[in-house]
Amino acid sequence: MIGNLKPLEIVLIIAVILLLFGAKKLPDMARSLGKSARILKSEAKAMKKDDAATATPTTETVDDTVPPQSTTARTIQAAPGDVTSSRPVNEPKPTTQS
């Protein structure tokens, strides 16, 4: 898609963006876009890890020798050291079928 644009068209698009948003707002917008991308990436990794853990085959018999999982809440952080946007994760409760 960008391969079809000529250099003059790209310059005009950048000029329109600068006029609409102003030079002062662009760094803040880029910073928030990067932060959102990091959050999305960490959430996707956490979901893949959770899916891989639940995809392991389980037996239908209940094994009493397996210790229960810890009950402490896990927290996913948006970026290293960023505690303002971290939030607790609700763990799914294991269901037993009788």
PDB file of N, CA and C in Angstrom:
ATOM      1  N   MET A   1       0.828  -1.187   0.000  1.00  0.00           N
ATOM      2  CA  MET A   1       0.000   0.000   0.000  1.00  0.00           C
ATOM      3  C   MET A   1       0.872   1.250   0.000  1.00  0.00           C
ATOM      4  N   ILE A   2       1.890   1.304   0.827  1.00  0.00           N
ATOM      5  CA  ILE A   2       2.751   2.470   0.851  1.00  0.00           C
ATOM      6  C   ILE A   2       3.664   2.483  -0.369  1.00  0.00           C
ATOM      7  N   GLY A   3       3.847   1.347  -1.017  1.00  0.00           N
ATOM      8  CA  GLY A   3       4.666   1.278  -2.215  1.00  0.00           C
ATOM      9  C   GLY A   3       4.056   2.030  -3.386  1.00  0.00           C
ATOM     10  N   ASN A   4       2.753   2.272  -3.342  1.00  0.00           N
ATOM     11  CA  ASN A   4       2.080   2.974  -4.430  1.00  0.00           C
ATOM     12  C   ASN A   4       2.153   4.486  -4.280  1.00  0.00           C
ATOM     13  N   LEU A   5       2.581   4.979  -3.104  1.00  0.00           N
ATOM     14  CA  LEU A   5       2.647   6.423  -2.878  1.00  0.00           C
ATOM     15  C   LEU A   5       3.958   6.981  -3.418  1.00  0.00           C
ATOM     16  N   LYS A   6       3.849   8.149  -4.023  1.00  0.00           N
ATOM     17  CA  LYS A   6       5.032   8.838  -4.531  1.00  0.00           C
ATOM     18  C   LYS A   6       5.602   9.713  -3.404  1.00  0.00           C
ATOM     19  N   PRO A   7       6.871  10.096  -3.491  1.00  0.00           N
ATOM     20  CA  PRO A   7       7.477  10.904  -2.421  1.00  0.00           C
ATOM     21  C   PRO A   7       6.725  12.213  -2.141  1.00  0.00           C
ATOM     22  N   LEU A   8       6.213  12.866  -3.173  1.00  0.00           N
ATOM     23  CA  LEU A   8       5.477  14.111  -2.970  1.00  0.00           C
ATOM     24  C   LEU A   8       4.198  13.861  -2.172  1.00  0.00           C
ATOM     25  N   GLU A   9       3.520  12.750  -2.433  1.00  0.00           N
ATOM     26  CA  GLU A   9       2.294  12.422  -1.706  1.00  0.00           C
ATOM     27  C   GLU A   9       2.588  12.147  -0.239  1.00  0.00           C
ATOM     28  N   ILE A  10       3.700  11.483   0.040  1.00  0.00           N
ATOM     29  CA  ILE A  10       4.079  11.204   1.429  1.00  0.00           C
ATOM     30  C   ILE A  10       4.371  12.508   2.163  1.00  0.00           C
ATOM     31  N   VAL A  11       5.072  13.433   1.520  1.00  0.00           N
ATOM     32  CA  VAL A  11       5.373  14.732   2.135  1.00  0.00           C
ATOM     33  C   VAL A  11       4.082  15.492   2.413  1.00  0.00           C
ATOM     34  N   LEU A  12       3.126  15.459   1.493  1.00  0.00           N
ATOM     35  CA  LEU A  12       1.852  16.149   1.705  1.00  0.00           C
ATOM     36  C   LEU A  12       1.080  15.537   2.870  1.00  0.00           C
ATOM     37  N   ILE A  13       1.101  14.222   2.999  1.00  0.00           N
ATOM     38  CA  ILE A  13       0.403  13.563   4.107  1.00  0.00           C
ATOM     39  C   ILE A  13       1.036  13.960   5.437  1.00  0.00           C
ATOM     40  N   ILE A  14       2.369  13.985   5.490  1.00  0.00           N
ATOM     41  CA  ILE A  14       3.061  14.391   6.720  1.00  0.00           C
ATOM     42  C   ILE A  14       2.757  15.839   7.056  1.00  0.00           C
ATOM     43  N   ALA A  15       2.701  16.701   6.057  1.00  0.00           N
ATOM     44  CA  ALA A  15       2.388  18.117   6.286  1.00  0.00           C
ATOM     45  C   ALA A  15       0.970  18.282   6.835  1.00  0.00           C
ATOM     46  N   VAL A  16       0.019  17.533   6.307  1.00  0.00           N
ATOM     47  CA  VAL A  16      -1.361  17.612   6.798  1.00  0.00           C
ATOM     48  C   VAL A  16      -1.432  17.125   8.245  1.00  0.00           C
ATOM     49  N   ILE A  17      -0.721  16.059   8.571  1.00  0.00           N
ATOM     50  CA  ILE A  17      -0.714  15.552   9.943  1.00  0.00           C
ATOM     51  C   ILE A  17      -0.126  16.593  10.890  1.00  0.00           C
ATOM     52  N   LEU A  18       0.962  17.240  10.476  1.00  0.00           N
ATOM     53  CA  LEU A  18       1.562  18.284  11.311  1.00  0.00           C
ATOM     54  C   LEU A  18       0.608  19.458  11.508  1.00  0.00           C
ATOM     55  N   LEU A  19      -0.128  19.821  10.474  1.00  0.00           N
ATOM     56  CA  LEU A  19      -1.072  20.930  10.601  1.00  0.00           C
ATOM     57  C   LEU A  19      -2.251  20.566  11.498  1.00  0.00           C
ATOM     58  N   LEU A  20      -2.722  19.340  11.393  1.00  0.00           N
ATOM     59  CA  LEU A  20      -3.873  18.927  12.207  1.00  0.00           C
ATOM     60  C   LEU A  20      -3.529  18.789  13.682  1.00  0.00           C
ATOM     61  N   PHE A  21      -2.431  18.133  13.988  1.00  0.00           N
ATOM     62  CA  PHE A  21      -2.127  17.811  15.375  1.00  0.00           C
ATOM     63  C   PHE A  21      -1.124  18.760  16.008  1.00  0.00           C
ATOM     64  N   GLY A  22      -0.308  19.391  15.236  1.00  0.00           N
ATOM     65  CA  GLY A  22       0.701  20.289  15.776  1.00  0.00           C
ATOM     66  C   GLY A  22       1.941  19.525  16.199  1.00  0.00           C
ATOM     67  N   ALA A  23       3.060  20.204  16.198  1.00  0.00           N
ATOM     68  CA  ALA A  23       4.329  19.556  16.512  1.00  0.00           C
ATOM     69  C   ALA A  23       4.441  19.207  17.993  1.00  0.00           C
ATOM     70  N   LYS A  24       3.711  19.891  18.858  1.00  0.00           N
ATOM     71  CA  LYS A  24       3.804  19.631  20.296  1.00  0.00           C
ATOM     72  C   LYS A  24       3.109  18.344  20.692  1.00  0.00           C
ATOM     73  N   LYS A  25       2.039  17.990  20.018  1.00  0.00           N
ATOM     74  CA  LYS A  25       1.269  16.807  20.403  1.00  0.00           C
ATOM     75  C   LYS A  25       1.821  15.512  19.813  1.00  0.00           C
ATOM     76  N   LEU A  26       2.582  15.598  18.733  1.00  0.00           N
ATOM     77  CA  LEU A  26       3.061  14.388  18.066  1.00  0.00           C
ATOM     78  C   LEU A  26       3.957  13.513  18.945  1.00  0.00           C
ATOM     79  N   PRO A  27       4.923  14.047  19.714  1.00  0.00           N
ATOM     80  CA  PRO A  27       5.727  13.156  20.570  1.00  0.00           C
ATOM     81  C   PRO A  27       4.884  12.453  21.634  1.00  0.00           C
ATOM     82  N   ASP A  28       3.910  13.144  22.203  1.00  0.00           N
ATOM     83  CA  ASP A  28       3.031  12.516  23.190  1.00  0.00           C
ATOM     84  C   ASP A  28       2.192  11.416  22.556  1.00  0.00           C
ATOM     85  N   MET A  29       1.725  11.659  21.343  1.00  0.00           N
ATOM     86  CA  MET A  29       0.938  10.649  20.649  1.00  0.00           C
ATOM     87  C   MET A  29       1.794   9.429  20.324  1.00  0.00           C
ATOM     88  N   ALA A  30       3.026   9.646  19.900  1.00  0.00           N
ATOM     89  CA  ALA A  30       3.921   8.529  19.586  1.00  0.00           C
ATOM     90  C   ALA A  30       4.258   7.741  20.852  1.00  0.00           C
ATOM     91  N   ARG A  31       4.456   8.447  21.962  1.00  0.00           N
ATOM     92  CA  ARG A  31       4.758   7.787  23.228  1.00  0.00           C
ATOM     93  C   ARG A  31       3.579   6.933  23.678  1.00  0.00           C
ATOM     94  N   SER A  32       2.369   7.455  23.597  1.00  0.00           N
ATOM     95  CA  SER A  32       1.201   6.683  24.010  1.00  0.00           C
ATOM     96  C   SER A  32       0.941   5.511  23.066  1.00  0.00           C
ATOM     97  N   LEU A  33       1.249   5.680  21.788  1.00  0.00           N
ATOM     98  CA  LEU A  33       1.110   4.577  20.834  1.00  0.00           C
ATOM     99  C   LEU A  33       2.102   3.461  21.155  1.00  0.00           C
ATOM    100  N   GLY A  34       3.331   3.827  21.498  1.00  0.00           N
ATOM    101  CA  GLY A  34       4.330   2.831  21.875  1.00  0.00           C
ATOM    102  C   GLY A  34       3.954   2.105  23.152  1.00  0.00           C
ATOM    103  N   LYS A  35       3.416   2.845  24.119  1.00  0.00           N
ATOM    104  CA  LYS A  35       2.984   2.225  25.375  1.00  0.00           C
ATOM    105  C   LYS A  35       1.833   1.256  25.121  1.00  0.00           C
ATOM    106  N   SER A  36       0.913   1.643  24.272  1.00  0.00           N
ATOM    107  CA  SER A  36      -0.205   0.754  23.936  1.00  0.00           C
ATOM    108  C   SER A  36       0.288  -0.507  23.236  1.00  0.00           C
ATOM    109  N   ALA A  37       1.278  -0.361  22.374  1.00  0.00           N
ATOM    110  CA  ALA A  37       1.827  -1.524  21.675  1.00  0.00           C
ATOM    111  C   ALA A  37       2.511  -2.471  22.663  1.00  0.00           C
ATOM    112  N   ARG A  38       3.238  -1.920  23.656  1.00  0.00           N
ATOM    113  CA  ARG A  38       3.876  -2.768  24.668  1.00  0.00           C
ATOM    114  C   ARG A  38       2.834  -3.499  25.499  1.00  0.00           C
ATOM    115  N   ILE A  39       1.753  -2.827  25.866  1.00  0.00           N
ATOM    116  CA  ILE A  39       0.689  -3.454  26.642  1.00  0.00           C
ATOM    117  C   ILE A  39       0.065  -4.588  25.834  1.00  0.00           C
ATOM    118  N   LEU A  40      -0.226  -4.328  24.573  1.00  0.00           N
ATOM    119  CA  LEU A  40      -0.820  -5.350  23.716  1.00  0.00           C
ATOM    120  C   LEU A  40       0.104  -6.560  23.579  1.00  0.00           C
ATOM    121  N   LYS A  41       1.393  -6.307  23.416  1.00  0.00           N
ATOM    122  CA  LYS A  41       2.360  -7.390  23.267  1.00  0.00           C
ATOM    123  C   LYS A  41       2.439  -8.221  24.547  1.00  0.00           C
ATOM    124  N   SER A  42       2.475  -7.567  25.718  1.00  0.00           N
ATOM    125  CA  SER A  42       2.566  -8.321  26.969  1.00  0.00           C
ATOM    126  C   SER A  42       1.293  -9.115  27.229  1.00  0.00           C
ATOM    127  N   GLU A  43       0.137  -8.552  26.891  1.00  0.00           N
ATOM    128  CA  GLU A  43      -1.122  -9.274  27.062  1.00  0.00           C
ATOM    129  C   GLU A  43      -1.188 -10.486  26.132  1.00  0.00           C
ATOM    130  N   ALA A  44      -0.703 -10.326  24.902  1.00  0.00           N
ATOM    131  CA  ALA A  44      -0.716 -11.440  23.953  1.00  0.00           C
ATOM    132  C   ALA A  44       0.206 -12.558  24.428  1.00  0.00           C
ATOM    133  N   LYS A  45       1.382 -12.196  24.955  1.00  0.00           N
ATOM    134  CA  LYS A  45       2.291 -13.204  25.486  1.00  0.00           C
ATOM    135  C   LYS A  45       1.671 -13.931  26.671  1.00  0.00           C
ATOM    136  N   ALA A  46       1.005 -13.183  27.552  1.00  0.00           N
ATOM    137  CA  ALA A  46       0.376 -13.803  28.715  1.00  0.00           C
ATOM    138  C   ALA A  46      -0.744 -14.745  28.289  1.00  0.00           C
ATOM    139  N   MET A  47      -1.513 -14.354  27.284  1.00  0.00           N
ATOM    140  CA  MET A  47      -2.594 -15.216  26.805  1.00  0.00           C
ATOM    141  C   MET A  47      -2.027 -16.485  26.168  1.00  0.00           C
ATOM    142  N   LYS A  48      -0.932 -16.369  25.402  1.00  0.00           N
ATOM    143  CA  LYS A  48      -0.324 -17.549  24.795  1.00  0.00           C
ATOM    144  C   LYS A  48       0.212 -18.487  25.861  1.00  0.00           C
ATOM    145  N   LYS A  49       0.820 -17.915  26.912  1.00  0.00           N
ATOM    146  CA  LYS A  49       1.358 -18.731  27.986  1.00  0.00           C
ATOM    147  C   LYS A  49       0.228 -19.443  28.732  1.00  0.00           C
ATOM    148  N   ASP A  50      -0.873 -18.735  28.971  1.00  0.00           N
ATOM    149  CA  ASP A  50      -2.023 -19.339  29.644  1.00  0.00           C
ATOM    150  C   ASP A  50      -2.650 -20.431  28.783  1.00  0.00           C
ATOM    151  N   ASP A  51      -2.734 -20.185  27.471  1.00  0.00           N
ATOM    152  CA  ASP A  51      -3.298 -21.190  26.566  1.00  0.00           C
ATOM    153  C   ASP A  51      -2.414 -22.431  26.516  1.00  0.00           C
ATOM    154  N   ALA A  52      -1.107 -22.244  26.527  1.00  0.00           N
ATOM    155  CA  ALA A  52      -0.196 -23.382  26.491  1.00  0.00           C
ATOM    156  C   ALA A  52      -0.303 -24.192  27.784  1.00  0.00           C
ATOM    157  N   ALA A  53      -0.505 -23.521  28.904  1.00  0.00           N
ATOM    158  CA  ALA A  53      -0.619 -24.221  30.186  1.00  0.00           C
ATOM    159  C   ALA A  53      -1.922 -25.001  30.273  1.00  0.00           C
ATOM    160  N   THR A  54      -3.007 -24.461  29.705  1.00  0.00           N
ATOM    161  CA  THR A  54      -4.299 -25.149  29.771  1.00  0.00           C
ATOM    162  C   THR A  54      -4.444 -26.188  28.673  1.00  0.00           C
ATOM    163  N   ALA A  55      -3.578 -26.152  27.656  1.00  0.00           N
ATOM    164  CA  ALA A  55      -3.690 -27.096  26.554  1.00  0.00           C
ATOM    165  C   ALA A  55      -3.061 -28.449  26.884  1.00  0.00           C
ATOM    166  N   THR A  56      -2.398 -28.559  28.019  1.00  0.00           N
ATOM    167  CA  THR A  56      -1.806 -29.844  28.381  1.00  0.00           C
ATOM    168  C   THR A  56      -2.916 -30.840  28.650  1.00  0.00           C
ATOM    169  N   PRO A  57      -2.752 -32.082  28.239  1.00  0.00           N
ATOM    170  CA  PRO A  57      -3.816 -33.067  28.428  1.00  0.00           C
ATOM    171  C   PRO A  57      -4.036 -33.350  29.913  1.00  0.00           C
ATOM    172  N   THR A  58      -5.294 -33.484  30.266  1.00  0.00           N
ATOM    173  CA  THR A  58      -5.646 -33.778  31.654  1.00  0.00           C
ATOM    174  C   THR A  58      -6.364 -35.106  31.705  1.00  0.00           C
ATOM    175  N   THR A  59      -6.260 -35.776  32.815  1.00  0.00           N
ATOM    176  CA  THR A  59      -6.976 -37.035  32.999  1.00  0.00           C
ATOM    177  C   THR A  59      -8.294 -36.747  33.687  1.00  0.00           C
ATOM    178  N   GLU A  60      -9.219 -37.652  33.561  1.00  0.00           N
ATOM    179  CA  GLU A  60     -10.531 -37.431  34.149  1.00  0.00           C
ATOM    180  C   GLU A  60     -10.569 -37.799  35.619  1.00  0.00           C
ATOM    181  N   THR A  61      -9.563 -38.505  36.105  1.00  0.00           N
ATOM    182  CA  THR A  61      -9.531 -38.853  37.519  1.00  0.00           C
ATOM    183  C   THR A  61      -8.871 -37.727  38.287  1.00  0.00           C
ATOM    184  N   VAL A  62      -9.285 -37.534  39.503  1.00  0.00           N
ATOM    185  CA  VAL A  62      -8.739 -36.482  40.343  1.00  0.00           C
ATOM    186  C   VAL A  62      -7.543 -37.056  41.080  1.00  0.00           C
ATOM    187  N   ASP A  63      -6.414 -36.388  40.983  1.00  0.00           N
ATOM    188  CA  ASP A  63      -5.196 -36.831  41.651  1.00  0.00           C
ATOM    189  C   ASP A  63      -5.006 -35.989  42.904  1.00  0.00           C
ATOM    190  N   ASP A  64      -5.101 -36.617  44.074  1.00  0.00           N
ATOM    191  CA  ASP A  64      -4.987 -35.885  45.328  1.00  0.00           C
ATOM    192  C   ASP A  64      -3.537 -35.589  45.696  1.00  0.00           C
ATOM    193  N   THR A  65      -2.580 -36.150  44.990  1.00  0.00           N
ATOM    194  CA  THR A  65      -1.181 -35.914  45.317  1.00  0.00           C
ATOM    195  C   THR A  65      -0.657 -34.616  44.732  1.00  0.00           C
ATOM    196  N   VAL A  66      -1.406 -34.000  43.838  1.00  0.00           N
ATOM    197  CA  VAL A  66      -0.982 -32.743  43.231  1.00  0.00           C
ATOM    198  C   VAL A  66      -1.302 -31.616  44.202  1.00  0.00           C
ATOM    199  N   PRO A  67      -0.307 -30.822  44.581  1.00  0.00           N
ATOM    200  CA  PRO A  67      -0.588 -29.723  45.518  1.00  0.00           C
ATOM    201  C   PRO A  67      -1.440 -28.660  44.845  1.00  0.00           C
ATOM    202  N   PRO A  68      -2.292 -27.979  45.608  1.00  0.00           N
ATOM    203  CA  PRO A  68      -3.122 -26.920  45.010  1.00  0.00           C
ATOM    204  C   PRO A  68      -2.254 -25.750  44.576  1.00  0.00           C
ATOM    205  N   GLN A  69      -2.745 -25.040  43.561  1.00  0.00           N
ATOM    206  CA  GLN A  69      -2.014 -23.889  43.056  1.00  0.00           C
ATOM    207  C   GLN A  69      -2.079 -22.764  44.081  1.00  0.00           C
ATOM    208  N   SER A  70      -1.098 -21.886  44.029  1.00  0.00           N
ATOM    209  CA  SER A  70      -1.089 -20.791  44.993  1.00  0.00           C
ATOM    210  C   SER A  70      -2.260 -19.860  44.718  1.00  0.00           C
ATOM    211  N   THR A  71      -2.739 -19.224  45.753  1.00  0.00           N
ATOM    212  CA  THR A  71      -3.911 -18.372  45.628  1.00  0.00           C
ATOM    213  C   THR A  71      -3.541 -16.899  45.519  1.00  0.00           C
ATOM    214  N   THR A  72      -2.248 -16.583  45.379  1.00  0.00           N
ATOM    215  CA  THR A  72      -1.855 -15.191  45.238  1.00  0.00           C
ATOM    216  C   THR A  72      -2.202 -14.698  43.843  1.00  0.00           C
ATOM    217  N   ALA A  73      -2.625 -13.459  43.763  1.00  0.00           N
ATOM    218  CA  ALA A  73      -3.021 -12.881  42.478  1.00  0.00           C
ATOM    219  C   ALA A  73      -1.782 -12.495  41.683  1.00  0.00           C
ATOM    220  N   ARG A  74      -1.807 -12.782  40.396  1.00  0.00           N
ATOM    221  CA  ARG A  74      -0.734 -12.371  39.508  1.00  0.00           C
ATOM    222  C   ARG A  74      -1.043 -10.981  38.976  1.00  0.00           C
ATOM    223  N   THR A  75      -0.013 -10.255  38.600  1.00  0.00           N
ATOM    224  CA  THR A  75      -0.182  -8.918  38.064  1.00  0.00           C
ATOM    225  C   THR A  75       0.578  -8.822  36.752  1.00  0.00           C
ATOM    226  N   ILE A  76      -0.097  -8.309  35.732  1.00  0.00           N
ATOM    227  CA  ILE A  76       0.549  -8.056  34.455  1.00  0.00           C
ATOM    228  C   ILE A  76       0.916  -6.582  34.424  1.00  0.00           C
ATOM    229  N   GLN A  77       2.180  -6.296  34.155  1.00  0.00           N
ATOM    230  CA  GLN A  77       2.617  -4.912  34.093  1.00  0.00           C
ATOM    231  C   GLN A  77       2.720  -4.479  32.642  1.00  0.00           C
ATOM    232  N   ALA A  78       2.381  -3.216  32.411  1.00  0.00           N
ATOM    233  CA  ALA A  78       2.411  -2.686  31.060  1.00  0.00           C
ATOM    234  C   ALA A  78       3.840  -2.521  30.567  1.00  0.00           C
ATOM    235  N   ALA A  79       4.703  -2.019  31.416  1.00  0.00           N
ATOM    236  CA  ALA A  79       6.095  -1.819  31.055  1.00  0.00           C
ATOM    237  C   ALA A  79       6.913  -2.017  32.320  1.00  0.00           C
ATOM    238  N   PRO A  80       8.165  -2.378  32.204  1.00  0.00           N
ATOM    239  CA  PRO A  80       8.976  -2.559  33.405  1.00  0.00           C
ATOM    240  C   PRO A  80       9.029  -1.283  34.236  1.00  0.00           C
ATOM    241  N   GLY A  81       8.659  -1.398  35.490  1.00  0.00           N
ATOM    242  CA  GLY A  81       8.684  -0.257  36.392  1.00  0.00           C
ATOM    243  C   GLY A  81       7.456   0.618  36.336  1.00  0.00           C
ATOM    244  N   ASP A  82       6.520   0.351  35.464  1.00  0.00           N
ATOM    245  CA  ASP A  82       5.317   1.163  35.334  1.00  0.00           C
ATOM    246  C   ASP A  82       4.218   0.544  36.180  1.00  0.00           C
ATOM    247  N   VAL A  83       4.075   1.014  37.427  1.00  0.00           N
ATOM    248  CA  VAL A  83       3.095   0.424  38.329  1.00  0.00           C
ATOM    249  C   VAL A  83       1.744   1.124  38.252  1.00  0.00           C
ATOM    250  N   THR A  84       1.671   2.234  37.545  1.00  0.00           N
ATOM    251  CA  THR A  84       0.406   2.958  37.473  1.00  0.00           C
ATOM    252  C   THR A  84      -0.611   2.256  36.587  1.00  0.00           C
ATOM    253  N   SER A  85      -0.137   1.483  35.606  1.00  0.00           N
ATOM    254  CA  SER A  85      -1.075   0.828  34.701  1.00  0.00           C
ATOM    255  C   SER A  85      -1.149  -0.679  34.923  1.00  0.00           C
ATOM    256  N   SER A  86      -0.496  -1.189  35.973  1.00  0.00           N
ATOM    257  CA  SER A  86      -0.577  -2.620  36.234  1.00  0.00           C
ATOM    258  C   SER A  86      -1.916  -2.942  36.877  1.00  0.00           C
ATOM    259  N   ARG A  87      -2.394  -4.135  36.632  1.00  0.00           N
ATOM    260  CA  ARG A  87      -3.692  -4.525  37.171  1.00  0.00           C
ATOM    261  C   ARG A  87      -3.658  -6.005  37.520  1.00  0.00           C
ATOM    262  N   PRO A  88      -4.459  -6.423  38.500  1.00  0.00           N
ATOM    263  CA  PRO A  88      -4.476  -7.842  38.849  1.00  0.00           C
ATOM    264  C   PRO A  88      -5.156  -8.670  37.770  1.00  0.00           C
ATOM    265  N   VAL A  89      -4.765  -9.910  37.690  1.00  0.00           N
ATOM    266  CA  VAL A  89      -5.318 -10.823  36.696  1.00  0.00           C
ATOM    267  C   VAL A  89      -6.216 -11.808  37.409  1.00  0.00           C
ATOM    268  N   ASN A  90      -7.413 -11.984  36.898  1.00  0.00           N
ATOM    269  CA  ASN A  90      -8.326 -12.959  37.469  1.00  0.00           C
ATOM    270  C   ASN A  90      -7.997 -14.324  36.901  1.00  0.00           C
ATOM    271  N   GLU A  91      -7.604 -15.224  37.779  1.00  0.00           N
ATOM    272  CA  GLU A  91      -7.275 -16.580  37.361  1.00  0.00           C
ATOM    273  C   GLU A  91      -8.554 -17.389  37.238  1.00  0.00           C
ATOM    274  N   PRO A  92      -8.672 -18.208  36.207  1.00  0.00           N
ATOM    275  CA  PRO A  92      -9.858 -19.067  36.109  1.00  0.00           C
ATOM    276  C   PRO A  92      -9.805 -20.151  37.198  1.00  0.00           C
ATOM    277  N   LYS A  93     -10.938 -20.413  37.793  1.00  0.00           N
ATOM    278  CA  LYS A  93     -11.030 -21.431  38.836  1.00  0.00           C
ATOM    279  C   LYS A  93     -11.130 -22.804  38.178  1.00  0.00           C
ATOM    280  N   PRO A  94     -10.364 -23.771  38.681  1.00  0.00           N
ATOM    281  CA  PRO A  94     -10.476 -25.113  38.108  1.00  0.00           C
ATOM    282  C   PRO A  94     -11.845 -25.710  38.416  1.00  0.00           C
ATOM    283  N   THR A  95     -12.407 -26.329  37.410  1.00  0.00           N
ATOM    284  CA  THR A  95     -13.718 -26.953  37.590  1.00  0.00           C
ATOM    285  C   THR A  95     -13.538 -28.457  37.681  1.00  0.00           C
ATOM    286  N   THR A  96     -14.296 -29.052  38.544  1.00  0.00           N
ATOM    287  CA  THR A  96     -14.253 -30.500  38.676  1.00  0.00           C
ATOM    288  C   THR A  96     -15.585 -31.063  38.208  1.00  0.00           C
ATOM    289  N   GLN A  97     -15.510 -32.093  37.417  1.00  0.00           N
ATOM    290  CA  GLN A  97     -16.734 -32.713  36.918  1.00  0.00           C
ATOM    291  C   GLN A  97     -16.934 -34.019  37.654  1.00  0.00           C
ATOM    292  N   SER A  98     -18.128 -34.231  38.146  1.00  0.00           N
ATOM    293  CA  SER A  98     -18.420 -35.466  38.878  1.00  0.00           C
ATOM    294  C   SER A  98     -19.319 -36.362  38.090  1.00  0.00           C
TER     295      SER A  98
END
